[in-house]
Amino acid sequence: MKLKLWQAGEALLRQKAKPLTPGEIVSPQIQDLIGSMRETMHDAPGVGLAAPQVGVSIQLLVIEDPPELIQKLSPQQALERERKPVAFHVVINPKLFIESNETVEFFEGCLSVVLFAAIVPRAKRVRVECLNERAESVSISAEGWYARIVQHEIDHLNGVLYLDRMKSRSFSTQENYLRYWGAKPISQAWEEIGTNPPE
């Protein structure tokens, strides 16, 4: 069942989500929610979705970056973003560990901030200790675009939107992002945007 996507301004999106017990994770209600979140993410389309984005304040998210979305990028864009296919998986009660001091900047969008995008710095490599949909302990290592997705979605579980981390001068409508900067290297986008406000 497709779920309603909650948008910025909803108080629930600014709250820290509640962890789940193993018993709750394997319950029919949570298993049904996982299925509905997967359908909602695919329909959007998106590459990640956290439970608060559908109005449920629990520490649960789903991620999938399928090949067909990556194929919409040029080979150069996919390489610059370090974007590779990621199979569908569920992340519950995550603990995030930054594995690299190196940060990278790219435009991000969000299913809860529709029709906008901005440049957001993120750690290039992370590790996540969490539970899966069977309440089993899992360790996830992510780098490149996958690490960006993981950080973005875990932020949602802590009441954080990319708006809190973005480079404000880069904030743009999705339409203008695609028109002016979507196909360009991030360095060229910064040259055109300018890092300082005009005098």
N, C-alpha and C. Protein backbone atom coordinates (compact mmCIF):
# COMPACT_ATOMS: atom_id res chain seq x y z
N MET A 1 0.84 -1.19 0.00
CA MET A 1 0.00 0.00 0.00
C MET A 1 0.88 1.25 0.00
N LYS A 2 0.61 2.16 -0.92
CA LYS A 2 1.37 3.40 -1.00
C LYS A 2 0.96 4.32 0.15
N LEU A 3 1.98 4.93 0.79
CA LEU A 3 1.74 5.77 1.95
C LEU A 3 1.92 7.25 1.62
N LYS A 4 1.29 8.10 2.40
CA LYS A 4 1.45 9.55 2.24
C LYS A 4 2.84 9.96 2.72
N LEU A 5 3.52 10.78 1.92
CA LEU A 5 4.83 11.31 2.29
C LEU A 5 4.65 12.61 3.05
N TRP A 6 5.12 12.66 4.28
CA TRP A 6 5.03 13.86 5.10
C TRP A 6 6.09 14.86 4.66
N GLN A 7 5.71 16.15 4.70
CA GLN A 7 6.57 17.21 4.18
C GLN A 7 7.13 18.10 5.29
N ALA A 8 8.24 18.76 4.98
CA ALA A 8 8.90 19.67 5.92
C ALA A 8 7.86 20.61 6.52
N GLY A 9 7.96 20.81 7.81
CA GLY A 9 6.98 21.61 8.54
C GLY A 9 6.17 20.76 9.50
N GLU A 10 6.08 19.45 9.23
CA GLU A 10 5.42 18.52 10.14
C GLU A 10 6.31 18.33 11.37
N ALA A 11 5.74 18.52 12.56
CA ALA A 11 6.53 18.43 13.80
C ALA A 11 7.20 17.06 13.96
N LEU A 12 6.53 16.00 13.51
CA LEU A 12 7.07 14.66 13.68
C LEU A 12 8.42 14.49 12.97
N LEU A 13 8.62 15.21 11.86
CA LEU A 13 9.88 15.12 11.13
C LEU A 13 11.05 15.73 11.89
N ARG A 14 10.77 16.44 12.97
CA ARG A 14 11.81 17.08 13.78
C ARG A 14 12.02 16.37 15.12
N GLN A 15 11.40 15.21 15.29
CA GLN A 15 11.52 14.47 16.54
C GLN A 15 12.49 13.29 16.38
N LYS A 16 13.12 12.90 17.48
CA LYS A 16 13.95 11.70 17.47
C LYS A 16 13.04 10.49 17.51
N ALA A 17 13.24 9.56 16.58
CA ALA A 17 12.36 8.40 16.47
C ALA A 17 12.68 7.36 17.54
N LYS A 18 11.69 6.55 17.86
CA LYS A 18 11.78 5.53 18.91
C LYS A 18 12.41 4.25 18.36
N PRO A 19 13.35 3.65 19.11
CA PRO A 19 13.88 2.34 18.68
C PRO A 19 12.84 1.25 18.79
N LEU A 20 13.05 0.18 18.04
CA LEU A 20 12.14 -0.96 18.05
C LEU A 20 12.75 -2.13 18.81
N THR A 21 11.92 -2.90 19.48
CA THR A 21 12.37 -4.13 20.12
C THR A 21 12.36 -5.25 19.07
N PRO A 22 13.12 -6.33 19.30
CA PRO A 22 13.06 -7.46 18.35
C PRO A 22 11.65 -7.98 18.14
N GLY A 23 10.86 -8.04 19.20
CA GLY A 23 9.48 -8.50 19.06
C GLY A 23 8.65 -7.60 18.17
N GLU A 24 8.85 -6.29 18.31
CA GLU A 24 8.13 -5.34 17.45
C GLU A 24 8.55 -5.50 15.99
N ILE A 25 9.85 -5.71 15.77
CA ILE A 25 10.36 -5.79 14.40
C ILE A 25 9.70 -6.92 13.62
N VAL A 26 9.53 -8.07 14.24
CA VAL A 26 8.97 -9.22 13.51
C VAL A 26 7.44 -9.27 13.54
N SER A 27 6.82 -8.26 14.15
CA SER A 27 5.36 -8.24 14.22
C SER A 27 4.75 -8.00 12.83
N PRO A 28 3.55 -8.47 12.60
CA PRO A 28 2.88 -8.24 11.31
C PRO A 28 2.77 -6.75 10.96
N GLN A 29 2.56 -5.89 11.97
CA GLN A 29 2.39 -4.47 11.70
C GLN A 29 3.67 -3.87 11.10
N ILE A 30 4.82 -4.19 11.69
CA ILE A 30 6.07 -3.62 11.18
C ILE A 30 6.44 -4.26 9.85
N GLN A 31 6.19 -5.54 9.69
CA GLN A 31 6.48 -6.19 8.41
C GLN A 31 5.61 -5.59 7.29
N ASP A 32 4.35 -5.30 7.60
CA ASP A 32 3.48 -4.65 6.62
C ASP A 32 3.98 -3.24 6.30
N LEU A 33 4.43 -2.53 7.34
CA LEU A 33 4.95 -1.18 7.14
C LEU A 33 6.17 -1.21 6.22
N ILE A 34 7.06 -2.16 6.41
CA ILE A 34 8.25 -2.29 5.55
C ILE A 34 7.83 -2.47 4.09
N GLY A 35 6.86 -3.35 3.85
CA GLY A 35 6.37 -3.55 2.49
C GLY A 35 5.77 -2.29 1.89
N SER A 36 5.00 -1.56 2.69
CA SER A 36 4.39 -0.32 2.20
C SER A 36 5.43 0.76 1.96
N MET A 37 6.44 0.82 2.82
CA MET A 37 7.51 1.80 2.62
C MET A 37 8.29 1.50 1.33
N ARG A 38 8.53 0.23 1.08
CA ARG A 38 9.23 -0.15 -0.16
C ARG A 38 8.43 0.30 -1.38
N GLU A 39 7.13 0.03 -1.36
CA GLU A 39 6.26 0.42 -2.47
C GLU A 39 6.24 1.94 -2.63
N THR A 40 6.16 2.66 -1.52
CA THR A 40 6.13 4.13 -1.56
C THR A 40 7.43 4.69 -2.11
N MET A 41 8.56 4.12 -1.68
CA MET A 41 9.87 4.57 -2.17
C MET A 41 9.98 4.34 -3.68
N HIS A 42 9.57 3.17 -4.15
CA HIS A 42 9.64 2.88 -5.58
C HIS A 42 8.74 3.82 -6.38
N ASP A 43 7.56 4.10 -5.84
CA ASP A 43 6.59 4.94 -6.56
C ASP A 43 7.06 6.38 -6.68
N ALA A 44 7.85 6.86 -5.71
CA ALA A 44 8.19 8.30 -5.64
C ALA A 44 8.86 8.86 -6.91
N PRO A 45 9.90 8.32 -7.51
CA PRO A 45 10.78 7.28 -7.02
C PRO A 45 11.89 7.88 -6.15
N GLY A 46 12.37 7.08 -5.20
CA GLY A 46 13.47 7.50 -4.35
C GLY A 46 14.41 6.34 -4.12
N VAL A 47 15.51 6.61 -3.41
CA VAL A 47 16.50 5.57 -3.13
C VAL A 47 16.56 5.24 -1.63
N GLY A 48 15.79 5.95 -0.83
CA GLY A 48 15.74 5.70 0.60
C GLY A 48 14.49 6.32 1.17
N LEU A 49 14.01 5.75 2.25
CA LEU A 49 12.81 6.28 2.91
C LEU A 49 12.86 5.87 4.38
N ALA A 50 12.69 6.84 5.26
CA ALA A 50 12.67 6.60 6.70
C ALA A 50 11.23 6.65 7.20
N ALA A 51 10.95 5.85 8.23
CA ALA A 51 9.58 5.76 8.75
C ALA A 51 8.98 7.11 9.13
N PRO A 52 9.74 8.05 9.73
CA PRO A 52 9.13 9.36 10.03
C PRO A 52 8.58 10.06 8.78
N GLN A 53 9.14 9.77 7.61
CA GLN A 53 8.65 10.41 6.39
C GLN A 53 7.26 9.93 5.99
N VAL A 54 6.81 8.83 6.59
CA VAL A 54 5.44 8.37 6.34
C VAL A 54 4.62 8.46 7.62
N GLY A 55 5.09 9.29 8.56
CA GLY A 55 4.30 9.60 9.74
C GLY A 55 4.42 8.62 10.89
N VAL A 56 5.47 7.77 10.87
CA VAL A 56 5.66 6.78 11.93
C VAL A 56 7.01 7.04 12.58
N SER A 57 7.00 7.47 13.84
CA SER A 57 8.23 7.91 14.51
C SER A 57 8.97 6.73 15.15
N ILE A 58 9.50 5.86 14.30
CA ILE A 58 10.31 4.71 14.75
C ILE A 58 11.60 4.67 13.95
N GLN A 59 12.62 4.01 14.51
CA GLN A 59 13.94 3.96 13.89
C GLN A 59 14.01 2.83 12.85
N LEU A 60 13.40 3.09 11.73
CA LEU A 60 13.34 2.12 10.64
C LEU A 60 13.46 2.86 9.32
N LEU A 61 14.29 2.33 8.42
CA LEU A 61 14.40 2.91 7.09
C LEU A 61 14.65 1.81 6.08
N VAL A 62 14.33 2.13 4.83
CA VAL A 62 14.58 1.22 3.72
C VAL A 62 15.45 1.95 2.69
N ILE A 63 16.30 1.17 2.02
CA ILE A 63 17.21 1.73 1.01
C ILE A 63 17.24 0.78 -0.19
N GLU A 64 17.28 1.36 -1.38
CA GLU A 64 17.53 0.61 -2.61
C GLU A 64 17.92 1.61 -3.70
N ASP A 65 19.04 1.37 -4.35
CA ASP A 65 19.46 2.21 -5.48
C ASP A 65 19.59 1.29 -6.69
N PRO A 66 18.51 1.11 -7.43
CA PRO A 66 18.51 0.12 -8.52
C PRO A 66 19.28 0.60 -9.75
N PRO A 67 19.76 -0.36 -10.55
CA PRO A 67 20.53 0.00 -11.76
C PRO A 67 19.80 0.94 -12.70
N GLU A 68 18.47 0.81 -12.81
CA GLU A 68 17.74 1.64 -13.77
C GLU A 68 17.78 3.13 -13.42
N LEU A 69 17.91 3.46 -12.14
CA LEU A 69 18.05 4.88 -11.77
C LEU A 69 19.46 5.38 -12.10
N ILE A 70 20.45 4.55 -11.88
CA ILE A 70 21.84 4.94 -12.16
C ILE A 70 22.06 5.09 -13.66
N GLN A 71 21.36 4.29 -14.46
CA GLN A 71 21.51 4.35 -15.91
C GLN A 71 21.01 5.68 -16.49
N LYS A 72 20.26 6.44 -15.71
CA LYS A 72 19.82 7.76 -16.16
C LYS A 72 20.95 8.78 -16.11
N LEU A 73 22.03 8.44 -15.40
CA LEU A 73 23.21 9.30 -15.32
C LEU A 73 24.16 8.95 -16.44
N SER A 74 25.01 9.91 -16.82
CA SER A 74 26.09 9.59 -17.75
C SER A 74 27.13 8.78 -16.99
N PRO A 75 27.97 8.00 -17.70
CA PRO A 75 29.04 7.27 -17.01
C PRO A 75 29.93 8.20 -16.17
N GLN A 76 30.18 9.41 -16.67
CA GLN A 76 31.01 10.37 -15.94
C GLN A 76 30.33 10.81 -14.64
N GLN A 77 29.00 11.06 -14.70
CA GLN A 77 28.27 11.46 -13.50
C GLN A 77 28.25 10.33 -12.46
N ALA A 78 28.02 9.11 -12.91
CA ALA A 78 28.00 7.97 -11.99
C ALA A 78 29.37 7.79 -11.34
N LEU A 79 30.43 7.99 -12.11
CA LEU A 79 31.79 7.85 -11.58
C LEU A 79 32.09 8.95 -10.57
N GLU A 80 31.74 10.19 -10.89
CA GLU A 80 31.99 11.31 -9.99
C GLU A 80 31.26 11.12 -8.66
N ARG A 81 30.05 10.60 -8.73
CA ARG A 81 29.24 10.40 -7.52
C ARG A 81 29.58 9.09 -6.80
N GLU A 82 30.41 8.26 -7.43
CA GLU A 82 30.71 6.92 -6.90
C GLU A 82 29.40 6.18 -6.61
N ARG A 83 28.56 6.17 -7.63
CA ARG A 83 27.21 5.59 -7.48
C ARG A 83 27.13 4.23 -8.14
N LYS A 84 26.83 3.23 -7.35
CA LYS A 84 26.70 1.85 -7.82
C LYS A 84 25.38 1.28 -7.29
N PRO A 85 24.85 0.25 -7.95
CA PRO A 85 23.58 -0.33 -7.49
C PRO A 85 23.67 -0.85 -6.05
N VAL A 86 22.58 -0.66 -5.32
CA VAL A 86 22.46 -1.15 -3.95
C VAL A 86 21.15 -1.91 -3.86
N ALA A 87 21.21 -3.16 -3.44
CA ALA A 87 20.01 -3.99 -3.33
C ALA A 87 19.12 -3.50 -2.19
N PHE A 88 17.85 -3.82 -2.28
CA PHE A 88 16.90 -3.43 -1.24
C PHE A 88 17.31 -4.02 0.10
N HIS A 89 17.29 -3.19 1.15
CA HIS A 89 17.52 -3.69 2.50
C HIS A 89 16.87 -2.76 3.52
N VAL A 90 16.72 -3.31 4.71
CA VAL A 90 16.05 -2.62 5.81
C VAL A 90 17.08 -2.35 6.91
N VAL A 91 17.02 -1.16 7.48
CA VAL A 91 17.93 -0.74 8.55
C VAL A 91 17.08 -0.30 9.74
N ILE A 92 17.32 -0.92 10.90
CA ILE A 92 16.53 -0.64 12.10
C ILE A 92 17.47 -0.33 13.27
N ASN A 93 17.13 0.67 14.07
CA ASN A 93 17.93 1.07 15.24
C ASN A 93 19.41 1.28 14.89
N PRO A 94 19.69 2.09 13.86
CA PRO A 94 21.09 2.20 13.42
C PRO A 94 21.97 3.03 14.34
N LYS A 95 23.23 2.62 14.41
CA LYS A 95 24.29 3.42 15.03
C LYS A 95 25.30 3.72 13.93
N LEU A 96 25.51 5.00 13.66
CA LEU A 96 26.36 5.44 12.54
C LEU A 96 27.76 5.75 13.03
N PHE A 97 28.76 5.24 12.30
CA PHE A 97 30.17 5.51 12.59
C PHE A 97 30.82 6.08 11.33
N ILE A 98 31.42 7.26 11.46
CA ILE A 98 32.12 7.89 10.34
C ILE A 98 33.47 7.20 10.19
N GLU A 99 33.74 6.65 9.01
CA GLU A 99 34.97 5.87 8.77
C GLU A 99 36.03 6.65 8.03
N SER A 100 35.70 7.86 7.58
CA SER A 100 36.65 8.66 6.81
C SER A 100 36.48 10.12 7.16
N ASN A 101 37.60 10.83 7.32
CA ASN A 101 37.53 12.27 7.55
C ASN A 101 37.22 13.04 6.27
N GLU A 102 37.32 12.36 5.14
CA GLU A 102 37.08 13.01 3.84
C GLU A 102 35.58 13.22 3.64
N THR A 103 35.21 14.44 3.29
CA THR A 103 33.81 14.73 2.95
C THR A 103 33.70 15.05 1.47
N VAL A 104 32.54 14.80 0.93
CA VAL A 104 32.26 15.12 -0.47
C VAL A 104 30.96 15.91 -0.53
N GLU A 105 30.85 16.77 -1.54
CA GLU A 105 29.68 17.62 -1.70
C GLU A 105 28.97 17.29 -3.01
N PHE A 106 27.66 17.10 -2.91
CA PHE A 106 26.81 16.92 -4.08
C PHE A 106 25.43 17.47 -3.76
N PHE A 107 24.65 17.69 -4.82
CA PHE A 107 23.26 18.08 -4.64
C PHE A 107 22.47 16.89 -4.08
N GLU A 108 21.57 17.18 -3.15
CA GLU A 108 20.64 16.19 -2.62
C GLU A 108 19.23 16.73 -2.74
N GLY A 109 18.31 15.80 -2.91
CA GLY A 109 16.90 16.12 -2.80
C GLY A 109 16.32 15.29 -1.67
N CYS A 110 15.03 15.40 -1.45
CA CYS A 110 14.39 14.65 -0.36
C CYS A 110 12.91 14.51 -0.66
N LEU A 111 12.38 13.32 -0.38
CA LEU A 111 10.95 13.08 -0.61
C LEU A 111 10.07 13.85 0.36
N SER A 112 10.69 14.43 1.41
CA SER A 112 9.94 15.27 2.36
C SER A 112 10.21 16.77 2.16
N VAL A 113 10.99 17.09 1.13
CA VAL A 113 11.22 18.49 0.74
C VAL A 113 11.12 18.51 -0.78
N VAL A 114 9.92 18.26 -1.28
CA VAL A 114 9.75 18.02 -2.71
C VAL A 114 10.04 19.27 -3.54
N LEU A 115 10.56 19.01 -4.73
CA LEU A 115 10.80 20.03 -5.76
C LEU A 115 11.98 20.95 -5.46
N PHE A 116 12.84 20.59 -4.50
CA PHE A 116 14.03 21.40 -4.21
C PHE A 116 15.26 20.51 -4.12
N ALA A 117 16.44 21.14 -4.19
CA ALA A 117 17.72 20.44 -4.05
C ALA A 117 18.75 21.44 -3.54
N ALA A 118 19.81 20.91 -2.94
CA ALA A 118 20.91 21.76 -2.47
C ALA A 118 22.16 20.90 -2.31
N ILE A 119 23.31 21.57 -2.33
CA ILE A 119 24.57 20.87 -2.09
C ILE A 119 24.71 20.59 -0.59
N VAL A 120 25.03 19.33 -0.29
CA VAL A 120 25.18 18.90 1.10
C VAL A 120 26.51 18.16 1.25
N PRO A 121 27.35 18.56 2.21
CA PRO A 121 28.57 17.79 2.47
C PRO A 121 28.25 16.55 3.30
N ARG A 122 28.85 15.43 2.93
CA ARG A 122 28.66 14.17 3.66
C ARG A 122 30.00 13.43 3.76
N ALA A 123 30.14 12.61 4.79
CA ALA A 123 31.32 11.75 4.91
C ALA A 123 31.34 10.77 3.75
N LYS A 124 32.54 10.52 3.23
CA LYS A 124 32.68 9.64 2.06
C LYS A 124 32.49 8.17 2.40
N ARG A 125 32.81 7.79 3.64
CA ARG A 125 32.73 6.38 4.01
C ARG A 125 32.19 6.26 5.44
N VAL A 126 31.21 5.37 5.62
CA VAL A 126 30.59 5.18 6.95
C VAL A 126 30.37 3.69 7.21
N ARG A 127 30.13 3.39 8.48
CA ARG A 127 29.73 2.04 8.90
C ARG A 127 28.50 2.18 9.77
N VAL A 128 27.59 1.22 9.64
CA VAL A 128 26.36 1.24 10.42
C VAL A 128 26.18 -0.11 11.09
N GLU A 129 25.96 -0.08 12.40
CA GLU A 129 25.58 -1.28 13.15
C GLU A 129 24.07 -1.18 13.39
N CYS A 130 23.33 -2.21 13.03
CA CYS A 130 21.87 -2.11 13.09
C CYS A 130 21.25 -3.50 13.15
N LEU A 131 19.93 -3.52 13.11
CA LEU A 131 19.17 -4.75 12.97
C LEU A 131 18.50 -4.75 11.61
N ASN A 132 18.26 -5.95 11.06
CA ASN A 132 17.52 -6.04 9.81
C ASN A 132 16.05 -6.37 10.10
N GLU A 133 15.30 -6.68 9.04
CA GLU A 133 13.86 -6.91 9.21
C GLU A 133 13.54 -8.21 9.95
N ARG A 134 14.55 -9.05 10.17
CA ARG A 134 14.37 -10.28 10.96
C ARG A 134 14.91 -10.11 12.38
N ALA A 135 15.23 -8.87 12.75
CA ALA A 135 15.78 -8.53 14.08
C ALA A 135 17.17 -9.14 14.29
N GLU A 136 17.89 -9.37 13.18
CA GLU A 136 19.26 -9.89 13.25
C GLU A 136 20.24 -8.73 13.22
N SER A 137 21.34 -8.87 13.96
CA SER A 137 22.38 -7.83 13.96
C SER A 137 23.11 -7.84 12.62
N VAL A 138 23.32 -6.64 12.08
CA VAL A 138 23.96 -6.47 10.78
C VAL A 138 24.96 -5.33 10.87
N SER A 139 26.09 -5.47 10.18
CA SER A 139 27.05 -4.39 10.04
C SER A 139 27.12 -4.01 8.56
N ILE A 140 26.94 -2.74 8.26
CA ILE A 140 26.92 -2.25 6.88
C ILE A 140 28.08 -1.29 6.69
N SER A 141 28.88 -1.51 5.64
CA SER A 141 29.91 -0.56 5.24
C SER A 141 29.45 0.10 3.95
N ALA A 142 29.50 1.42 3.92
CA ALA A 142 29.00 2.15 2.75
C ALA A 142 29.98 3.25 2.38
N GLU A 143 30.17 3.44 1.08
CA GLU A 143 30.99 4.55 0.61
C GLU A 143 30.36 5.17 -0.61
N GLY A 144 30.87 6.35 -0.95
CA GLY A 144 30.34 7.05 -2.11
C GLY A 144 28.88 7.43 -1.94
N TRP A 145 28.10 7.24 -3.00
CA TRP A 145 26.70 7.66 -2.98
C TRP A 145 25.89 6.86 -1.97
N TYR A 146 26.23 5.58 -1.80
CA TYR A 146 25.54 4.75 -0.82
C TYR A 146 25.72 5.33 0.59
N ALA A 147 26.93 5.78 0.90
CA ALA A 147 27.17 6.41 2.21
C ALA A 147 26.32 7.67 2.37
N ARG A 148 26.14 8.41 1.29
CA ARG A 148 25.31 9.62 1.32
C ARG A 148 23.85 9.25 1.63
N ILE A 149 23.34 8.23 0.97
CA ILE A 149 21.96 7.79 1.21
C ILE A 149 21.79 7.39 2.68
N VAL A 150 22.73 6.58 3.18
CA VAL A 150 22.66 6.11 4.56
C VAL A 150 22.63 7.28 5.54
N GLN A 151 23.52 8.26 5.35
CA GLN A 151 23.57 9.41 6.26
C GLN A 151 22.30 10.23 6.19
N HIS A 152 21.80 10.45 4.98
CA HIS A 152 20.57 11.22 4.78
C HIS A 152 19.40 10.56 5.52
N GLU A 153 19.25 9.24 5.35
CA GLU A 153 18.10 8.55 5.96
C GLU A 153 18.23 8.46 7.48
N ILE A 154 19.44 8.21 7.99
CA ILE A 154 19.62 8.16 9.44
C ILE A 154 19.36 9.53 10.05
N ASP A 155 19.70 10.60 9.34
CA ASP A 155 19.35 11.95 9.81
C ASP A 155 17.86 12.05 10.10
N HIS A 156 17.03 11.48 9.21
CA HIS A 156 15.58 11.54 9.42
C HIS A 156 15.17 10.93 10.76
N LEU A 157 15.88 9.89 11.19
CA LEU A 157 15.53 9.24 12.45
C LEU A 157 15.90 10.10 13.65
N ASN A 158 16.72 11.12 13.42
CA ASN A 158 17.14 12.04 14.48
C ASN A 158 16.52 13.43 14.36
N GLY A 159 15.49 13.55 13.51
CA GLY A 159 14.80 14.82 13.35
C GLY A 159 15.57 15.85 12.54
N VAL A 160 16.49 15.38 11.69
CA VAL A 160 17.34 16.28 10.90
C VAL A 160 16.97 16.15 9.43
N LEU A 161 16.82 17.29 8.75
CA LEU A 161 16.61 17.33 7.31
C LEU A 161 17.87 17.84 6.63
N TYR A 162 18.03 17.54 5.33
CA TYR A 162 19.23 18.02 4.65
C TYR A 162 19.31 19.54 4.68
N LEU A 163 18.18 20.21 4.87
CA LEU A 163 18.15 21.67 4.96
C LEU A 163 19.05 22.17 6.10
N ASP A 164 19.21 21.35 7.14
CA ASP A 164 20.05 21.73 8.28
C ASP A 164 21.53 21.63 7.96
N ARG A 165 21.88 20.89 6.92
CA ARG A 165 23.29 20.64 6.58
C ARG A 165 23.71 21.26 5.25
N MET A 166 22.75 21.78 4.50
CA MET A 166 23.04 22.23 3.14
C MET A 166 23.88 23.50 3.10
N LYS A 167 24.55 23.69 1.96
CA LYS A 167 25.20 24.96 1.64
C LYS A 167 24.10 25.86 1.07
N SER A 168 23.71 26.87 1.86
CA SER A 168 22.48 27.60 1.55
C SER A 168 22.50 28.29 0.19
N ARG A 169 23.68 28.72 -0.28
CA ARG A 169 23.71 29.41 -1.59
C ARG A 169 23.37 28.48 -2.74
N SER A 170 23.45 27.18 -2.51
CA SER A 170 23.16 26.22 -3.59
C SER A 170 21.69 25.82 -3.64
N PHE A 171 20.89 26.26 -2.68
CA PHE A 171 19.48 25.86 -2.61
C PHE A 171 18.76 26.26 -3.89
N SER A 172 18.05 25.31 -4.51
CA SER A 172 17.49 25.50 -5.83
C SER A 172 16.22 24.69 -6.00
N THR A 173 15.37 25.10 -6.92
CA THR A 173 14.28 24.22 -7.31
C THR A 173 14.89 23.04 -8.06
N GLN A 174 14.21 21.90 -8.04
CA GLN A 174 14.67 20.74 -8.81
C GLN A 174 14.78 21.10 -10.29
N GLU A 175 13.80 21.86 -10.77
CA GLU A 175 13.79 22.24 -12.19
C GLU A 175 15.06 23.01 -12.55
N ASN A 176 15.44 23.99 -11.73
CA ASN A 176 16.64 24.77 -12.03
C ASN A 176 17.91 23.98 -11.81
N TYR A 177 17.91 23.09 -10.81
CA TYR A 177 19.06 22.21 -10.62
C TYR A 177 19.31 21.41 -11.90
N LEU A 178 18.24 20.80 -12.44
CA LEU A 178 18.40 20.00 -13.66
C LEU A 178 18.78 20.86 -14.85
N ARG A 179 18.24 22.07 -14.90
CA ARG A 179 18.52 22.96 -16.03
C ARG A 179 19.97 23.46 -16.03
N TYR A 180 20.49 23.84 -14.86
CA TYR A 180 21.79 24.51 -14.81
C TYR A 180 22.96 23.63 -14.36
N TRP A 181 22.71 22.73 -13.39
CA TRP A 181 23.86 22.07 -12.76
C TRP A 181 23.81 20.55 -12.75
N GLY A 182 22.68 19.96 -13.06
CA GLY A 182 22.53 18.51 -12.93
C GLY A 182 23.55 17.70 -13.71
N ALA A 183 23.94 18.18 -14.89
CA ALA A 183 24.87 17.42 -15.73
C ALA A 183 26.31 17.89 -15.59
N LYS A 184 26.56 18.86 -14.72
CA LYS A 184 27.91 19.43 -14.60
C LYS A 184 28.64 18.89 -13.37
N PRO A 185 29.96 18.86 -13.42
CA PRO A 185 30.71 18.49 -12.21
C PRO A 185 30.40 19.48 -11.09
N ILE A 186 30.47 19.01 -9.87
CA ILE A 186 30.12 19.86 -8.72
C ILE A 186 31.01 21.09 -8.64
N SER A 187 32.27 20.96 -9.07
CA SER A 187 33.19 22.11 -9.04
C SER A 187 32.70 23.22 -9.97
N GLN A 188 32.15 22.84 -11.11
CA GLN A 188 31.63 23.84 -12.05
C GLN A 188 30.36 24.49 -11.50
N ALA A 189 29.54 23.70 -10.84
CA ALA A 189 28.34 24.27 -10.21
C ALA A 189 28.75 25.33 -9.20
N TRP A 190 29.77 25.04 -8.40
CA TRP A 190 30.22 26.02 -7.40
C TRP A 190 30.76 27.28 -8.06
N GLU A 191 31.46 27.14 -9.18
CA GLU A 191 31.96 28.31 -9.90
C GLU A 191 30.82 29.22 -10.32
N GLU A 192 29.73 28.62 -10.78
CA GLU A 192 28.60 29.41 -11.27
C GLU A 192 27.75 29.97 -10.12
N ILE A 193 27.61 29.21 -9.04
CA ILE A 193 26.83 29.68 -7.90
C ILE A 193 27.58 30.76 -7.15
N GLY A 194 28.90 30.54 -7.00
CA GLY A 194 29.72 31.46 -6.20
C GLY A 194 29.61 31.11 -4.73
N THR A 195 30.74 31.05 -4.06
CA THR A 195 30.73 30.62 -2.66
C THR A 195 30.45 31.76 -1.70
N ASN A 196 30.52 33.00 -2.16
CA ASN A 196 30.27 34.14 -1.29
C ASN A 196 29.10 34.97 -1.82
N PRO A 197 28.30 35.55 -0.94
CA PRO A 197 27.21 36.41 -1.42
C PRO A 197 27.79 37.63 -2.14
N PRO A 198 27.07 38.14 -3.14
CA PRO A 198 27.54 39.36 -3.82
C PRO A 198 27.60 40.53 -2.85
N GLU A 199 28.54 41.45 -3.09
CA GLU A 199 28.68 42.67 -2.22
C GLU A 199 27.50 43.57 -2.45
